[in-house]
Protein backbone atom coordinates (compact mmCIF):
# COMPACT_ATOMS: atom_id res chain seq x y z
CA MET A 1 0.00 0.00 0.00
CA THR A 2 1.37 3.42 -0.96
CA ARG A 3 1.58 6.04 1.77
CA SER A 4 -0.76 8.92 1.11
CA ARG A 5 1.02 11.48 3.27
CA ALA A 6 4.44 12.44 4.50
CA PRO A 7 5.69 11.27 7.90
CA SER A 8 5.08 13.68 10.76
CA PRO A 9 7.90 15.80 12.16
CA ALA A 10 7.92 13.54 15.24
CA THR A 11 8.31 10.45 13.03
CA ARG A 12 11.11 12.09 11.07
CA SER A 13 12.85 13.01 14.30
CA VAL A 14 12.68 9.44 15.64
CA LEU A 15 13.83 7.98 12.32
CA ALA A 16 16.78 10.37 12.22
CA ALA A 17 17.81 9.49 15.79
CA LEU A 18 17.59 5.78 15.06
CA SER A 19 19.53 6.20 11.81
CA GLU A 20 22.33 7.97 13.67
CA ALA A 21 22.48 5.15 16.23
CA ALA A 22 22.52 2.38 13.59
CA PRO A 23 23.37 -0.45 13.73
CA GLY A 24 23.16 -0.24 17.52
CA TRP A 25 20.15 -0.30 19.78
CA SER A 26 18.51 2.82 21.25
CA HIS A 27 16.55 2.94 24.50
CA GLY A 28 13.31 4.89 24.71
CA TYR A 29 14.73 7.31 27.28
CA ASP A 30 17.67 8.08 24.99
CA LEU A 31 15.28 8.69 22.10
CA CYS A 32 13.22 11.06 24.28
CA ARG A 33 16.35 13.06 25.05
CA LYS A 34 17.64 13.10 21.45
CA THR A 35 14.30 14.03 19.87
CA GLY A 36 12.80 16.20 22.58
CA LEU A 37 9.57 14.18 22.39
CA LYS A 38 7.52 13.36 25.46
CA SER A 39 7.10 9.69 26.31
CA GLY A 40 3.36 9.89 25.56
CA THR A 41 4.24 10.81 21.96
CA LEU A 42 7.34 8.65 21.52
CA TYR A 43 6.18 5.24 22.71
CA PRO A 44 2.96 5.06 20.64
CA LEU A 45 5.03 6.17 17.64
CA LEU A 46 7.58 3.40 18.28
CA ILE A 47 4.77 0.85 18.55
CA ARG A 48 3.32 1.99 15.19
CA LEU A 49 6.72 1.93 13.48
CA GLU A 50 7.35 -1.59 14.78
CA ALA A 51 3.90 -2.76 13.63
CA GLN A 52 4.64 -1.38 10.15
CA GLY A 53 7.91 -3.35 10.00
CA TRP A 54 10.24 -0.36 10.12
CA LEU A 55 11.57 -1.02 13.63
CA GLN A 56 12.79 -4.00 15.57
CA ALA A 57 12.12 -3.91 19.32
CA GLU A 58 13.76 -6.17 21.87
CA TRP A 59 14.16 -6.51 25.60
CA LEU A 60 17.83 -6.15 26.50
CA PRO A 61 19.11 -7.97 29.60
CA ALA A 62 19.54 -6.18 32.90
CA GLU A 63 22.78 -4.33 33.53
CA ALA A 64 24.34 -3.77 36.93
CA GLY A 65 21.74 -1.97 39.03
CA ARG A 66 19.27 -1.56 36.15
CA PRO A 67 16.24 -3.58 35.11
CA PRO A 68 15.90 -5.02 31.60
CA ARG A 69 15.07 -2.30 29.08
CA HIS A 70 13.24 -2.18 25.79
CA ALA A 71 15.49 -1.13 22.92
CA TYR A 72 14.81 -0.23 19.30
CA ARG A 73 16.64 -0.21 15.97
CA LEU A 74 15.68 0.20 12.34
CA THR A 75 15.11 -2.79 10.09
CA ALA A 76 16.50 -2.79 6.54
CA THR A 77 13.11 -1.55 5.35
CA GLY A 78 13.17 1.06 8.11
CA HIS A 79 16.56 2.34 6.92
CA ARG A 80 15.15 2.83 3.41
CA PHE A 81 12.05 4.51 4.83
CA ALA A 82 14.20 6.80 7.01
CA ALA A 83 16.38 7.77 4.03
CA GLU A 84 13.34 8.57 1.89
CA ALA A 85 11.59 10.40 4.75
CA ALA A 86 14.64 12.65 5.05
CA LEU A 87 14.33 13.78 1.42
CA PRO A 88 13.23 17.42 1.20
CA THR A 89 10.61 17.13 -1.54
CA ALA A 90 7.03 16.03 -1.20
CA ALA A 91 7.38 14.14 -4.48
CA ALA A 92 9.83 11.76 -2.83
CA MET A 93 7.15 10.78 -0.32
CA THR A 94 5.04 9.18 -3.03
CA THR A 95 7.62 6.38 -3.35
CA LEU A 96 7.30 5.22 0.27
CA ARG A 97 5.64 1.86 0.65
CA ARG A 98 4.81 -0.27 3.64
CA PRO A 99 6.67 -3.57 3.82
CA ALA A 100 4.75 -6.60 2.63
């Protein structure tokens, strides 16, 4: 299915932060700090991006004095989506497709 609209500024911000961190994992708290988004905006966005196949989410094991944490990284499809979402023209957005 072809996307009918461009990603939101919040989505672009999250995609850019995850692209910069690639191929490593990013924790939600780190993404909040890098993007300036509130957790009530960030976490639903991460859930949607994962459901669309653009993100991989995983529980990372506990570290000394810390509980296990949820971490995120872009999939191969997510990297392509992030690169296209960063393009400045609206025409580029017509090429974005959801993964099958």
